[in-house]
Amino acid sequence: MGQDGLTIAGTGEPGANIRFYSAGGQLIGTAVVEVDGSYSATLEPAQTNGQPLIVTQSDAAGNGSLPTALTAPDLDAPAVPDARVAVDGTSVVGIGEPRPSSTCVTHKEILSKAI
């Protein structure tokens, strides 16, 4: 998948139809496999936040493949976290997006890191 979240390329059976679906089952892109076995598709809307996707292929005879899972790149920055310094000044607590790391800094030094 391209780093823009809009384009995706791959290989398949020449003449086959490739379909891309969101996790909710919405069709978000299609492609026809070229004679050399390659395809390229544009996804709409762009998939830029680590969304799970499903890809299928069907040939001219109507034979369908099993679905293949794919994960879009995570290009969206997380929202600003909710962070508060504890009353005793020794820790910071808050809520943020799951899985990214957080770093507490002063204007010149790193105080701590959390994942």
Protein backbone atom coordinates (compact mmCIF):
# COMPACT_ATOMS: atom_id res chain seq x y z
CA MET A 1 0.00 0.00 0.00
CA GLY A 2 1.28 3.46 -0.83
CA GLN A 3 2.22 5.79 1.99
CA ASP A 4 -0.60 8.13 0.92
CA GLY A 5 -3.26 5.56 1.91
CA LEU A 6 -4.88 6.03 -1.51
CA THR A 7 -2.98 3.66 -3.77
CA ILE A 8 -2.34 -0.03 -3.61
CA ALA A 9 -0.59 -2.36 -6.05
CA GLY A 10 -0.06 -6.10 -6.23
CA THR A 11 -0.25 -9.18 -8.38
CA GLY A 12 -3.00 -11.59 -9.30
CA GLU A 13 -4.42 -13.75 -12.07
CA PRO A 14 -4.48 -11.84 -15.38
CA GLY A 15 -8.00 -10.56 -16.12
CA ALA A 16 -9.21 -11.13 -12.55
CA ASN A 17 -11.12 -8.51 -10.57
CA ILE A 18 -9.60 -7.32 -7.30
CA ARG A 19 -11.90 -5.75 -4.70
CA PHE A 20 -10.96 -3.89 -1.54
CA TYR A 21 -13.39 -3.64 1.37
CA SER A 22 -13.39 -1.77 4.65
CA ALA A 23 -13.72 -3.80 7.86
CA GLY A 24 -17.44 -2.92 7.76
CA GLY A 25 -17.83 -4.51 4.30
CA GLN A 26 -18.00 -1.29 2.24
CA LEU A 27 -16.38 -1.53 -1.20
CA ILE A 28 -13.59 1.09 -1.23
CA GLY A 29 -11.63 0.19 -4.39
CA THR A 30 -11.38 -2.11 -7.40
CA ALA A 31 -8.81 -3.11 -10.00
CA VAL A 32 -8.48 -5.46 -12.96
CA VAL A 33 -5.28 -7.52 -13.10
CA GLU A 34 -3.21 -6.72 -16.20
CA VAL A 35 -1.83 -9.31 -18.65
CA ASP A 36 1.52 -9.24 -16.81
CA GLY A 37 -0.23 -10.13 -13.53
CA SER A 38 0.05 -6.68 -11.94
CA TYR A 39 -2.70 -4.37 -10.70
CA SER A 40 -2.97 -0.93 -9.19
CA ALA A 41 -6.01 0.54 -7.47
CA THR A 42 -7.11 3.78 -5.87
CA LEU A 43 -8.93 3.53 -2.54
CA GLU A 44 -11.72 5.93 -1.62
CA PRO A 45 -11.59 7.18 1.01
CA ALA A 46 -7.86 7.10 1.80
CA GLN A 47 -6.95 4.51 4.43
CA THR A 48 -4.42 6.25 6.70
CA ASN A 49 -5.15 5.21 10.28
CA GLY A 50 -4.21 1.54 10.50
CA GLN A 51 -7.64 0.35 9.36
CA PRO A 52 -8.13 -3.37 8.71
CA LEU A 53 -9.04 -4.09 5.08
CA ILE A 54 -10.23 -7.16 3.19
CA VAL A 55 -9.04 -8.00 -0.36
CA THR A 56 -10.69 -10.51 -2.71
CA GLN A 57 -9.97 -11.71 -6.24
CA SER A 58 -12.40 -13.29 -8.71
CA ASP A 59 -11.56 -14.62 -12.15
CA ALA A 60 -13.58 -14.35 -15.38
CA ALA A 61 -15.26 -17.70 -14.64
CA GLY A 62 -16.62 -16.26 -11.37
CA ASN A 63 -14.34 -18.25 -9.07
CA GLY A 64 -13.63 -16.23 -5.95
CA SER A 65 -10.61 -16.32 -3.70
CA LEU A 66 -10.69 -16.51 0.04
CA PRO A 67 -10.51 -13.03 1.58
CA THR A 68 -7.08 -11.71 2.50
CA ALA A 69 -6.61 -9.37 5.46
CA LEU A 70 -4.53 -6.22 5.03
CA THR A 71 -3.78 -3.35 7.42
CA ALA A 72 -3.53 0.22 6.13
CA PRO A 73 -0.58 2.35 7.24
CA ASP A 74 -1.05 4.54 10.31
CA LEU A 75 -0.26 8.00 8.96
CA ASP A 76 -2.62 10.02 11.17
CA ALA A 77 -1.05 11.70 14.16
CA PRO A 78 -2.77 10.87 17.44
CA ALA A 79 -4.90 13.51 19.13
CA VAL A 80 -3.33 15.61 21.86
CA PRO A 81 -3.27 13.44 24.99
CA ASP A 82 -4.97 14.35 28.23
CA ALA A 83 -2.09 14.63 30.73
CA ARG A 84 -1.91 15.86 34.32
CA VAL A 85 0.94 16.09 36.79
CA ALA A 86 0.14 14.29 40.03
CA VAL A 87 -0.31 16.44 43.14
CA ASP A 88 3.03 15.29 44.57
CA GLY A 89 4.77 16.18 41.29
CA THR A 90 6.38 12.77 40.83
CA SER A 91 4.25 11.34 38.00
CA VAL A 92 2.13 12.25 35.01
CA VAL A 93 -1.16 10.50 34.30
CA GLY A 94 -3.52 10.78 31.37
CA ILE A 95 -5.35 9.21 28.46
CA GLY A 96 -4.13 8.94 24.86
CA GLU A 97 -4.41 6.82 21.73
CA PRO A 98 -3.67 3.13 22.36
CA ARG A 99 -0.18 1.89 21.39
CA PRO A 100 1.79 5.06 20.58
CA SER A 101 4.59 6.05 22.90
CA SER A 102 4.55 9.18 25.05
CA THR A 103 7.47 11.26 26.20
CA CYS A 104 7.46 13.80 29.04
CA VAL A 105 9.88 16.65 28.46
CA THR A 106 10.81 19.99 29.93
CA HIS A 107 12.00 22.66 27.55
CA LYS A 108 15.44 20.98 27.45
CA GLU A 109 15.44 17.45 28.86
CA ILE A 110 13.50 14.21 28.58
CA LEU A 111 12.02 13.29 31.94
CA SER A 112 10.45 9.89 31.09
CA LYS A 113 9.03 7.75 28.32
CA ALA A 114 6.01 5.45 28.31
CA ILE A 115 4.62 3.02 25.77
